[in-house]
Protein backbone atom coordinates (compact mmCIF):
# COMPACT_ATOMS: atom_id res chain seq x y z
CA MET A 1 -6.88 2.45 -9.25
CA GLY A 2 -8.86 3.95 -6.40
CA ASN A 3 -11.89 4.12 -8.65
CA HIS A 4 -11.67 0.37 -9.39
CA GLY A 5 -11.93 -1.03 -5.87
CA ILE A 6 -8.18 -1.35 -5.27
CA SER A 7 -7.45 -1.07 -1.54
CA ALA A 8 -3.64 -1.13 -1.73
CA PHE A 9 -0.74 -1.66 -4.11
CA GLY A 10 3.01 -1.98 -3.89
CA VAL A 11 5.92 -0.90 -6.06
CA GLU A 12 9.64 -1.68 -6.15
CA THR A 13 10.52 1.97 -6.64
CA MET A 14 10.87 4.79 -4.10
CA SER A 15 7.57 6.32 -5.22
CA PRO A 16 4.60 5.22 -7.32
CA GLY A 17 4.35 8.78 -8.64
CA VAL A 18 5.05 10.22 -12.04
CA PRO A 19 7.45 13.03 -12.96
CA LYS A 20 6.42 16.49 -11.70
CA ILE A 21 4.22 15.07 -8.90
CA SER A 22 5.93 14.95 -5.52
CA ASN A 23 5.87 11.86 -3.35
CA LYS A 24 3.99 13.87 -0.71
CA GLU A 25 1.30 14.66 -3.30
CA VAL A 26 1.04 10.97 -4.20
CA HIS A 27 0.46 10.12 -0.52
CA HIS A 28 -2.33 12.70 -0.29
CA ILE A 29 -3.97 11.53 -3.52
CA CYS A 30 -3.94 7.90 -2.38
CA GLY A 31 -5.46 8.94 0.95
CA GLU A 32 -8.22 10.91 -0.76
CA LEU A 33 -9.03 7.90 -2.93
CA GLY A 34 -9.18 5.66 0.14
CA PHE A 35 -6.25 3.32 -0.46
CA THR A 36 -2.65 2.99 0.61
CA HIS A 37 0.54 2.02 -1.13
CA TYR A 38 3.82 0.36 -0.26
CA GLU A 39 7.17 1.54 -1.62
CA ASN A 40 10.62 -0.03 -1.97
CA MET A 41 9.26 -3.58 -1.97
CA ILE A 42 11.66 -6.40 -2.81
CA ASN A 43 11.37 -9.96 -4.11
CA LEU A 44 8.11 -9.27 -5.94
CA ASP A 45 9.38 -11.47 -8.76
CA LYS A 46 9.05 -14.45 -6.40
CA LEU A 47 5.26 -13.98 -6.35
CA VAL A 48 4.76 -14.21 -10.12
CA ASP A 49 2.83 -17.28 -11.34
CA ARG A 50 2.26 -18.58 -7.79
CA GLY A 51 -1.46 -17.82 -7.66
CA ARG A 52 -3.51 -15.64 -5.36
CA PHE A 53 -2.22 -14.69 -1.95
CA ARG A 54 -3.18 -12.61 1.03
CA PHE A 55 -0.91 -9.63 1.63
CA CYS A 56 -0.15 -8.61 5.22
CA ALA A 57 1.97 -5.65 6.27
CA PHE A 58 3.20 -5.27 9.83
CA PRO A 59 4.19 -1.63 10.51
CA LEU A 60 6.24 -0.10 13.28
CA LYS A 61 4.28 1.93 15.81
CA ILE A 62 5.54 5.48 15.33
CA ARG A 63 3.92 8.08 17.56
CA GLY A 64 2.48 10.88 15.42
CA GLY A 65 3.61 9.10 12.25
CA THR A 66 1.61 8.79 9.07
CA GLY A 67 3.72 6.01 7.59
CA SER A 68 6.18 3.32 8.58
CA PRO A 69 8.49 0.65 7.25
CA VAL A 70 6.64 -2.67 7.22
CA ARG A 71 7.40 -6.37 7.27
CA ALA A 72 5.56 -7.42 4.10
CA VAL A 73 4.29 -11.01 3.99
CA ALA A 74 2.52 -12.97 1.24
CA ILE A 75 0.39 -15.82 2.57
CA PHE A 76 -0.54 -18.44 -0.01
CA ASP A 77 -3.53 -20.71 0.55
CA GLN A 78 -4.06 -23.85 -1.48
CA SER A 79 -7.83 -23.37 -1.39
CA GLN A 80 -7.55 -19.90 -3.02
CA ASN A 81 -10.75 -18.78 -1.23
CA PHE A 82 -9.91 -15.12 -0.74
């Protein structure tokens, strides 16, 4: 995905990884490819067939942290000019 201009993606599972690759490794690989990912997302089914939307994620400020829980928000725009 990182080679196709993807800047971020989200999954409903605890990790977007595959068997035999640790979650820590997945985080490093995503960082090297220049994109981030979101885990344990819910209600993704409510976005299906609703059109394009802008995704915003509001993280907690964790000193020294490299990740955080986020408040994930989908913002739909009738003009679809993203």
